[in-house]
PDB file of N, CA and C in Angstrom:
ATOM      1  N   UNK A   1      15.647 -46.339  20.038  1.00  0.00           N
ATOM      2  CA  UNK A   1      15.253 -44.951  19.857  1.00  0.00           C
ATOM      3  C   UNK A   1      16.474 -44.114  19.502  1.00  0.00           C
ATOM      4  N   UNK A   2      16.292 -43.085  18.713  1.00  0.00           N
ATOM      5  CA  UNK A   2      17.406 -42.179  18.426  1.00  0.00           C
ATOM      6  C   UNK A   2      17.981 -41.619  19.725  1.00  0.00           C
ATOM      7  N   UNK A   3      19.291 -41.481  19.763  1.00  0.00           N
ATOM      8  CA  UNK A   3      19.978 -41.019  20.973  1.00  0.00           C
ATOM      9  C   UNK A   3      20.993 -39.954  20.596  1.00  0.00           C
ATOM     10  N   UNK A   4      21.067 -38.900  21.423  1.00  0.00           N
ATOM     11  CA  UNK A   4      22.040 -37.830  21.189  1.00  0.00           C
ATOM     12  C   UNK A   4      22.905 -37.627  22.432  1.00  0.00           C
ATOM     13  N   UNK A   5      24.068 -37.054  22.196  1.00  0.00           N
ATOM     14  CA  UNK A   5      24.978 -36.679  23.279  1.00  0.00           C
ATOM     15  C   UNK A   5      25.164 -35.168  23.181  1.00  0.00           C
ATOM     16  N   UNK A   6      24.887 -34.467  24.273  1.00  0.00           N
ATOM     17  CA  UNK A   6      25.029 -33.013  24.307  1.00  0.00           C
ATOM     18  C   UNK A   6      26.072 -32.627  25.340  1.00  0.00           C
ATOM     19  N   UNK A   7      26.929 -31.694  24.990  1.00  0.00           N
ATOM     20  CA  UNK A   7      27.851 -31.093  25.935  1.00  0.00           C
ATOM     21  C   UNK A   7      27.555 -29.601  25.916  1.00  0.00           C
ATOM     22  N   UNK A   8      27.062 -29.094  27.043  1.00  0.00           N
ATOM     23  CA  UNK A   8      26.626 -27.708  27.127  1.00  0.00           C
ATOM     24  C   UNK A   8      27.689 -26.924  27.895  1.00  0.00           C
ATOM     25  N   UNK A   9      28.176 -25.852  27.280  1.00  0.00           N
ATOM     26  CA  UNK A   9      29.239 -25.037  27.871  1.00  0.00           C
ATOM     27  C   UNK A   9      28.721 -23.645  28.191  1.00  0.00           C
ATOM     28  N   UNK A  10      29.346 -23.014  29.134  1.00  0.00           N
ATOM     29  CA  UNK A  10      28.971 -21.670  29.548  1.00  0.00           C
ATOM     30  C   UNK A  10      28.763 -21.643  31.056  1.00  0.00           C
ATOM     31  N   UNK A  11      27.932 -20.699  31.524  1.00  0.00           N
ATOM     32  CA  UNK A  11      27.579 -20.682  32.953  1.00  0.00           C
ATOM     33  C   UNK A  11      26.371 -21.598  33.112  1.00  0.00           C
ATOM     34  N   UNK A  12      26.666 -22.886  33.314  1.00  0.00           N
ATOM     35  CA  UNK A  12      25.615 -23.890  33.331  1.00  0.00           C
ATOM     36  C   UNK A  12      25.593 -24.719  34.615  1.00  0.00           C
ATOM     37  N   UNK A  13      26.542 -24.477  35.506  1.00  0.00           N
ATOM     38  CA  UNK A  13      26.510 -25.153  36.798  1.00  0.00           C
ATOM     39  C   UNK A  13      26.115 -24.144  37.862  1.00  0.00           C
ATOM     40  N   UNK A  14      25.336 -24.609  38.847  1.00  0.00           N
ATOM     41  CA  UNK A  14      24.881 -23.726  39.915  1.00  0.00           C
ATOM     42  C   UNK A  14      23.691 -22.866  39.523  1.00  0.00           C
ATOM     43  N   UNK A  15      23.028 -23.219  38.404  1.00  0.00           N
ATOM     44  CA  UNK A  15      21.886 -22.431  37.924  1.00  0.00           C
ATOM     45  C   UNK A  15      20.648 -23.325  37.718  1.00  0.00           C
ATOM     46  N   UNK A  16      20.661 -24.506  38.341  1.00  0.00           N
ATOM     47  CA  UNK A  16      19.556 -25.472  38.259  1.00  0.00           C
ATOM     48  C   UNK A  16      19.382 -26.043  36.854  1.00  0.00           C
ATOM     49  N   UNK A  17      20.481 -26.143  36.103  1.00  0.00           N
ATOM     50  CA  UNK A  17      20.400 -26.671  34.745  1.00  0.00           C
ATOM     51  C   UNK A  17      19.959 -28.130  34.762  1.00  0.00           C
ATOM     52  N   UNK A  18      20.571 -28.951  35.614  1.00  0.00           N
ATOM     53  CA  UNK A  18      20.247 -30.378  35.628  1.00  0.00           C
ATOM     54  C   UNK A  18      18.789 -30.617  36.007  1.00  0.00           C
ATOM     55  N   UNK A  19      18.322 -29.964  37.057  1.00  0.00           N
ATOM     56  CA  UNK A  19      16.934 -30.150  37.495  1.00  0.00           C
ATOM     57  C   UNK A  19      15.960 -29.647  36.434  1.00  0.00           C
ATOM     58  N   UNK A  20      16.283 -28.525  35.820  1.00  0.00           N
ATOM     59  CA  UNK A  20      15.418 -27.979  34.772  1.00  0.00           C
ATOM     60  C   UNK A  20      15.429 -28.871  33.532  1.00  0.00           C
ATOM     61  N   UNK A  21      16.583 -29.444  33.207  1.00  0.00           N
ATOM     62  CA  UNK A  21      16.674 -30.362  32.069  1.00  0.00           C
ATOM     63  C   UNK A  21      15.818 -31.596  32.319  1.00  0.00           C
ATOM     64  N   UNK A  22      15.824 -32.088  33.545  1.00  0.00           N
ATOM     65  CA  UNK A  22      14.976 -33.245  33.876  1.00  0.00           C
ATOM     66  C   UNK A  22      13.507 -32.894  33.695  1.00  0.00           C
ATOM     67  N   UNK A  23      13.100 -31.723  34.137  1.00  0.00           N
ATOM     68  CA  UNK A  23      11.706 -31.300  33.966  1.00  0.00           C
ATOM     69  C   UNK A  23      11.341 -31.247  32.486  1.00  0.00           C
ATOM     70  N   UNK A  24      12.216 -30.672  31.672  1.00  0.00           N
ATOM     71  CA  UNK A  24      11.955 -30.585  30.232  1.00  0.00           C
ATOM     72  C   UNK A  24      11.906 -31.970  29.601  1.00  0.00           C
ATOM     73  N   UNK A  25      12.845 -32.821  29.976  1.00  0.00           N
ATOM     74  CA  UNK A  25      12.878 -34.182  29.432  1.00  0.00           C
ATOM     75  C   UNK A  25      11.601 -34.932  29.785  1.00  0.00           C
ATOM     76  N   UNK A  26      11.178 -34.830  31.037  1.00  0.00           N
ATOM     77  CA  UNK A  26       9.947 -35.510  31.457  1.00  0.00           C
ATOM     78  C   UNK A  26       8.747 -34.972  30.676  1.00  0.00           C
ATOM     79  N   UNK A  27       8.704 -33.681  30.462  1.00  0.00           N
ATOM     80  CA  UNK A  27       7.603 -33.054  29.734  1.00  0.00           C
ATOM     81  C   UNK A  27       7.558 -33.534  28.282  1.00  0.00           C
ATOM     82  N   UNK A  28       8.736 -33.716  27.682  1.00  0.00           N
ATOM     83  CA  UNK A  28       8.824 -34.097  26.274  1.00  0.00           C
ATOM     84  C   UNK A  28       8.847 -35.608  26.046  1.00  0.00           C
ATOM     85  N   UNK A  29       8.947 -36.381  27.109  1.00  0.00           N
ATOM     86  CA  UNK A  29       9.034 -37.830  26.962  1.00  0.00           C
ATOM     87  C   UNK A  29      10.417 -38.312  26.558  1.00  0.00           C
ATOM     88  N   UNK A  30      11.435 -37.520  26.912  1.00  0.00           N
ATOM     89  CA  UNK A  30      12.824 -37.866  26.618  1.00  0.00           C
ATOM     90  C   UNK A  30      13.382 -38.634  27.806  1.00  0.00           C
ATOM     91  N   UNK A  31      14.187 -39.637  27.508  1.00  0.00           N
ATOM     92  CA  UNK A  31      14.806 -40.449  28.566  1.00  0.00           C
ATOM     93  C   UNK A  31      16.321 -40.377  28.445  1.00  0.00           C
ATOM     94  N   UNK A  32      17.016 -40.608  29.549  1.00  0.00           N
ATOM     95  CA  UNK A  32      18.473 -40.577  29.534  1.00  0.00           C
ATOM     96  C   UNK A  32      19.014 -40.070  30.849  1.00  0.00           C
ATOM     97  N   UNK A  33      20.073 -39.260  30.781  1.00  0.00           N
ATOM     98  CA  UNK A  33      20.680 -38.736  32.004  1.00  0.00           C
ATOM     99  C   UNK A  33      21.364 -37.397  31.742  1.00  0.00           C
ATOM    100  N   UNK A  34      21.586 -36.668  32.833  1.00  0.00           N
ATOM    101  CA  UNK A  34      22.291 -35.390  32.809  1.00  0.00           C
ATOM    102  C   UNK A  34      23.253 -35.361  33.995  1.00  0.00           C
ATOM    103  N   UNK A  35      24.417 -34.788  33.788  1.00  0.00           N
ATOM    104  CA  UNK A  35      25.387 -34.655  34.889  1.00  0.00           C
ATOM    105  C   UNK A  35      26.276 -33.446  34.651  1.00  0.00           C
ATOM    106  N   UNK A  36      26.879 -32.949  35.724  1.00  0.00           N
ATOM    107  CA  UNK A  36      27.915 -31.926  35.633  1.00  0.00           C
ATOM    108  C   UNK A  36      29.230 -32.621  35.309  1.00  0.00           C
ATOM    109  N   UNK A  37      30.094 -31.921  34.581  1.00  0.00           N
ATOM    110  CA  UNK A  37      31.424 -32.452  34.307  1.00  0.00           C
ATOM    111  C   UNK A  37      32.435 -31.718  35.186  1.00  0.00           C
ATOM    112  N   UNK A  38      33.588 -32.319  35.423  1.00  0.00           N
ATOM    113  CA  UNK A  38      34.620 -31.643  36.218  1.00  0.00           C
ATOM    114  C   UNK A  38      35.098 -30.336  35.581  1.00  0.00           C
ATOM    115  N   UNK A  39      34.942 -30.193  34.260  1.00  0.00           N
ATOM    116  CA  UNK A  39      35.384 -28.992  33.554  1.00  0.00           C
ATOM    117  C   UNK A  39      34.400 -27.830  33.678  1.00  0.00           C
ATOM    118  N   UNK A  40      33.264 -28.060  34.319  1.00  0.00           N
ATOM    119  CA  UNK A  40      32.283 -26.993  34.499  1.00  0.00           C
ATOM    120  C   UNK A  40      31.171 -26.980  33.460  1.00  0.00           C
ATOM    121  N   UNK A  41      31.075 -28.036  32.665  1.00  0.00           N
ATOM    122  CA  UNK A  41      30.039 -28.141  31.649  1.00  0.00           C
ATOM    123  C   UNK A  41      28.899 -29.021  32.165  1.00  0.00           C
ATOM    124  N   UNK A  42      27.860 -29.168  31.357  1.00  0.00           N
ATOM    125  CA  UNK A  42      26.789 -30.120  31.621  1.00  0.00           C
ATOM    126  C   UNK A  42      26.780 -31.093  30.460  1.00  0.00           C
ATOM    127  N   UNK A  43      26.712 -32.380  30.773  1.00  0.00           N
ATOM    128  CA  UNK A  43      26.696 -33.436  29.768  1.00  0.00           C
ATOM    129  C   UNK A  43      25.360 -34.163  29.833  1.00  0.00           C
ATOM    130  N   UNK A  44      24.791 -34.440  28.670  1.00  0.00           N
ATOM    131  CA  UNK A  44      23.500 -35.111  28.593  1.00  0.00           C
ATOM    132  C   UNK A  44      23.570 -36.194  27.527  1.00  0.00           C
ATOM    133  N   UNK A  45      23.035 -37.358  27.829  1.00  0.00           N
ATOM    134  CA  UNK A  45      22.745 -38.377  26.834  1.00  0.00           C
ATOM    135  C   UNK A  45      21.243 -38.585  26.900  1.00  0.00           C
ATOM    136  N   UNK A  46      20.563 -38.439  25.759  1.00  0.00           N
ATOM    137  CA  UNK A  46      19.108 -38.479  25.743  1.00  0.00           C
ATOM    138  C   UNK A  46      18.601 -39.270  24.553  1.00  0.00           C
ATOM    139  N   UNK A  47      17.518 -39.998  24.779  1.00  0.00           N
ATOM    140  CA  UNK A  47      16.877 -40.728  23.686  1.00  0.00           C
ATOM    141  C   UNK A  47      15.398 -40.392  23.664  1.00  0.00           C
ATOM    142  N   UNK A  48      14.822 -40.461  22.467  1.00  0.00           N
ATOM    143  CA  UNK A  48      13.413 -40.156  22.287  1.00  0.00           C
ATOM    144  C   UNK A  48      13.110 -40.039  20.810  1.00  0.00           C
ATOM    145  N   UNK A  49      11.942 -39.544  20.510  1.00  0.00           N
ATOM    146  CA  UNK A  49      11.592 -39.338  19.106  1.00  0.00           C
ATOM    147  C   UNK A  49      12.459 -38.212  18.539  1.00  0.00           C
ATOM    148  N   UNK A  50      12.597 -38.192  17.230  1.00  0.00           N
ATOM    149  CA  UNK A  50      13.388 -37.128  16.596  1.00  0.00           C
ATOM    150  C   UNK A  50      12.852 -35.750  16.978  1.00  0.00           C
ATOM    151  N   UNK A  51      11.528 -35.590  16.957  1.00  0.00           N
ATOM    152  CA  UNK A  51      10.920 -34.300  17.281  1.00  0.00           C
ATOM    153  C   UNK A  51      11.203 -33.910  18.727  1.00  0.00           C
ATOM    154  N   UNK A  52      11.047 -34.859  19.663  1.00  0.00           N
ATOM    155  CA  UNK A  52      11.289 -34.569  21.080  1.00  0.00           C
ATOM    156  C   UNK A  52      12.751 -34.217  21.320  1.00  0.00           C
ATOM    157  N   UNK A  53      13.662 -34.931  20.667  1.00  0.00           N
ATOM    158  CA  UNK A  53      15.091 -34.640  20.830  1.00  0.00           C
ATOM    159  C   UNK A  53      15.436 -33.270  20.267  1.00  0.00           C
ATOM    160  N   UNK A  54      14.822 -32.909  19.151  1.00  0.00           N
ATOM    161  CA  UNK A  54      15.067 -31.584  18.580  1.00  0.00           C
ATOM    162  C   UNK A  54      14.590 -30.496  19.538  1.00  0.00           C
ATOM    163  N   UNK A  55      13.391 -30.662  20.092  1.00  0.00           N
ATOM    164  CA  UNK A  55      12.865 -29.677  21.039  1.00  0.00           C
ATOM    165  C   UNK A  55      13.727 -29.616  22.301  1.00  0.00           C
ATOM    166  N   UNK A  56      14.180 -30.766  22.769  1.00  0.00           N
ATOM    167  CA  UNK A  56      15.015 -30.813  23.966  1.00  0.00           C
ATOM    168  C   UNK A  56      16.352 -30.121  23.714  1.00  0.00           C
ATOM    169  N   UNK A  57      16.979 -30.396  22.572  1.00  0.00           N
ATOM    170  CA  UNK A  57      18.261 -29.762  22.232  1.00  0.00           C
ATOM    171  C   UNK A  57      18.095 -28.253  22.105  1.00  0.00           C
ATOM    172  N   UNK A  58      16.979 -27.815  21.536  1.00  0.00           N
ATOM    173  CA  UNK A  58      16.711 -26.374  21.434  1.00  0.00           C
ATOM    174  C   UNK A  58      16.595 -25.756  22.828  1.00  0.00           C
ATOM    175  N   UNK A  59      15.892 -26.438  23.732  1.00  0.00           N
ATOM    176  CA  UNK A  59      15.788 -25.923  25.101  1.00  0.00           C
ATOM    177  C   UNK A  59      17.183 -25.840  25.727  1.00  0.00           C
ATOM    178  N   UNK A  60      18.004 -26.872  25.515  1.00  0.00           N
ATOM    179  CA  UNK A  60      19.352 -26.892  26.103  1.00  0.00           C
ATOM    180  C   UNK A  60      20.214 -25.742  25.594  1.00  0.00           C
ATOM    181  N   UNK A  61      19.941 -25.244  24.410  1.00  0.00           N
ATOM    182  CA  UNK A  61      20.729 -24.128  23.890  1.00  0.00           C
ATOM    183  C   UNK A  61      20.412 -22.822  24.615  1.00  0.00           C
ATOM    184  N   UNK A  62      19.322 -22.782  25.361  1.00  0.00           N
ATOM    185  CA  UNK A  62      18.955 -21.625  26.188  1.00  0.00           C
ATOM    186  C   UNK A  62      19.133 -21.947  27.671  1.00  0.00           C
ATOM    187  N   UNK A  63      18.636 -23.110  28.089  1.00  0.00           N
ATOM    188  CA  UNK A  63      18.713 -23.527  29.484  1.00  0.00           C
ATOM    189  C   UNK A  63      17.744 -22.763  30.354  1.00  0.00           C
ATOM    190  N   UNK A  64      17.860 -22.942  31.665  1.00  0.00           N
ATOM    191  CA  UNK A  64      16.991 -22.237  32.600  1.00  0.00           C
ATOM    192  C   UNK A  64      17.347 -20.746  32.655  1.00  0.00           C
ATOM    193  N   UNK A  65      16.504 -19.933  33.280  1.00  0.00           N
ATOM    194  CA  UNK A  65      16.697 -18.471  33.252  1.00  0.00           C
ATOM    195  C   UNK A  65      18.077 -17.970  33.690  1.00  0.00           C
ATOM    196  N   UNK A  66      18.703 -18.586  34.675  1.00  0.00           N
ATOM    197  CA  UNK A  66      19.989 -18.074  35.175  1.00  0.00           C
ATOM    198  C   UNK A  66      21.196 -18.583  34.392  1.00  0.00           C
ATOM    199  N   UNK A  67      20.983 -19.503  33.464  1.00  0.00           N
ATOM    200  CA  UNK A  67      22.096 -20.059  32.680  1.00  0.00           C
ATOM    201  C   UNK A  67      22.514 -19.094  31.576  1.00  0.00           C
ATOM    202  N   UNK A  68      23.788 -19.163  31.229  1.00  0.00           N
ATOM    203  CA  UNK A  68      24.313 -18.453  30.061  1.00  0.00           C
ATOM    204  C   UNK A  68      25.018 -19.516  29.219  1.00  0.00           C
ATOM    205  N   UNK A  69      24.318 -19.993  28.209  1.00  0.00           N
ATOM    206  CA  UNK A  69      24.858 -21.061  27.368  1.00  0.00           C
ATOM    207  C   UNK A  69      25.724 -20.444  26.279  1.00  0.00           C
ATOM    208  N   UNK A  70      26.992 -20.848  26.255  1.00  0.00           N
ATOM    209  CA  UNK A  70      27.931 -20.333  25.259  1.00  0.00           C
ATOM    210  C   UNK A  70      28.008 -21.244  24.043  1.00  0.00           C
ATOM    211  N   UNK A  71      27.829 -22.548  24.246  1.00  0.00           N
ATOM    212  CA  UNK A  71      27.965 -23.499  23.153  1.00  0.00           C
ATOM    213  C   UNK A  71      27.292 -24.810  23.533  1.00  0.00           C
ATOM    214  N   UNK A  72      26.716 -25.468  22.533  1.00  0.00           N
ATOM    215  CA  UNK A  72      26.171 -26.817  22.708  1.00  0.00           C
ATOM    216  C   UNK A  72      26.774 -27.678  21.613  1.00  0.00           C
ATOM    217  N   UNK A  73      27.494 -28.686  22.023  1.00  0.00           N
ATOM    218  CA  UNK A  73      28.057 -29.640  21.076  1.00  0.00           C
ATOM    219  C   UNK A  73      27.116 -30.837  21.046  1.00  0.00           C
ATOM    220  N   UNK A  74      26.498 -31.041  19.899  1.00  0.00           N
ATOM    221  CA  UNK A  74      25.499 -32.097  19.718  1.00  0.00           C
ATOM    222  C   UNK A  74      26.115 -33.160  18.827  1.00  0.00           C
ATOM    223  N   UNK A  75      26.309 -34.358  19.365  1.00  0.00           N
ATOM    224  CA  UNK A  75      26.920 -35.420  18.573  1.00  0.00           C
ATOM    225  C   UNK A  75      26.073 -36.681  18.627  1.00  0.00           C
ATOM    226  N   UNK A  76      26.261 -37.505  17.635  1.00  0.00           N
ATOM    227  CA  UNK A  76      25.534 -38.762  17.567  1.00  0.00           C
ATOM    228  C   UNK A  76      25.994 -39.672  18.697  1.00  0.00           C
ATOM    229  N   UNK A  77      25.117 -40.551  19.083  1.00  0.00           N
ATOM    230  CA  UNK A  77      25.407 -41.509  20.143  1.00  0.00           C
ATOM    231  C   UNK A  77      24.736 -42.810  19.749  1.00  0.00           C
ATOM    232  N   UNK A  78      25.344 -43.947  20.056  1.00  0.00           N
ATOM    233  CA  UNK A  78      24.675 -45.214  19.731  1.00  0.00           C
ATOM    234  C   UNK A  78      23.279 -45.255  20.376  1.00  0.00           C
ATOM    235  N   UNK A  79      22.314 -45.811  19.641  1.00  0.00           N
ATOM    236  CA  UNK A  79      20.961 -45.900  20.184  1.00  0.00           C
ATOM    237  C   UNK A  79      21.003 -46.632  21.514  1.00  0.00           C
ATOM    238  N   UNK A  80      20.337 -46.037  22.488  1.00  0.00           N
ATOM    239  CA  UNK A  80      20.334 -46.560  23.840  1.00  0.00           C
ATOM    240  C   UNK A  80      18.914 -46.512  24.377  1.00  0.00           C
ATOM    241  N   UNK A  81      18.568 -47.486  25.200  1.00  0.00           N
ATOM    242  CA  UNK A  81      17.249 -47.509  25.821  1.00  0.00           C
ATOM    243  C   UNK A  81      17.398 -47.168  27.302  1.00  0.00           C
ATOM    244  N   UNK A  82      16.647 -46.187  27.739  1.00  0.00           N
ATOM    245  CA  UNK A  82      16.625 -45.778  29.147  1.00  0.00           C
ATOM    246  C   UNK A  82      15.204 -45.939  29.671  1.00  0.00           C
ATOM    247  N   UNK A  83      15.072 -46.170  30.963  1.00  0.00           N
ATOM    248  CA  UNK A  83      13.739 -46.275  31.572  1.00  0.00           C
ATOM    249  C   UNK A  83      13.156 -44.910  31.895  1.00  0.00           C
ATOM    250  N   UNK A  84      14.025 -43.943  32.203  1.00  0.00           N
ATOM    251  CA  UNK A  84      13.563 -42.611  32.599  1.00  0.00           C
ATOM    252  C   UNK A  84      14.663 -41.616  32.333  1.00  0.00           C
ATOM    253  N   UNK A  85      14.504 -40.412  32.829  1.00  0.00           N
ATOM    254  CA  UNK A  85      15.550 -39.400  32.723  1.00  0.00           C
ATOM    255  C   UNK A  85      16.033 -39.115  34.137  1.00  0.00           C
ATOM    256  N   UNK A  86      17.334 -39.285  34.354  1.00  0.00           N
ATOM    257  CA  UNK A  86      17.872 -39.158  35.705  1.00  0.00           C
ATOM    258  C   UNK A  86      18.974 -38.124  35.777  1.00  0.00           C
ATOM    259  N   UNK A  87      19.158 -37.608  36.969  1.00  0.00           N
ATOM    260  CA  UNK A  87      20.259 -36.692  37.250  1.00  0.00           C
ATOM    261  C   UNK A  87      21.412 -37.545  37.752  1.00  0.00           C
ATOM    262  N   UNK A  88      22.533 -37.437  37.102  1.00  0.00           N
ATOM    263  CA  UNK A  88      23.660 -38.316  37.382  1.00  0.00           C
ATOM    264  C   UNK A  88      23.652 -39.427  36.354  1.00  0.00           C
ATOM    265  N   UNK A  89      24.758 -40.040  36.158  1.00  0.00           N
ATOM    266  CA  UNK A  89      24.853 -41.073  35.117  1.00  0.00           C
ATOM    267  C   UNK A  89      24.130 -42.331  35.574  1.00  0.00           C
ATOM    268  N   UNK A  90      23.241 -42.823  34.735  1.00  0.00           N
ATOM    269  CA  UNK A  90      22.535 -44.046  35.112  1.00  0.00           C
ATOM    270  C   UNK A  90      21.551 -44.535  34.142  1.00  0.00           C
TER     271      UNK A  90
END
């Protein structure tokens, strides 16, 4: 399946970004993982259909209500198969 790597910058920690991203991923049928980085960003690797990944990336550019997303770096990632979408690397 197509796979993307997202690095979300801004006020994205402490605003339920990871939990909200999991909800969105589950809703869209996206699989992968989300985690906080030591630099204060949120990192996501996600796989799914092109349409689902596009919708997921669009959601990530806004995030949950309390987030202030300053930038989303969207880069290619080798195709990867995940069983589900998890919080933390896995």
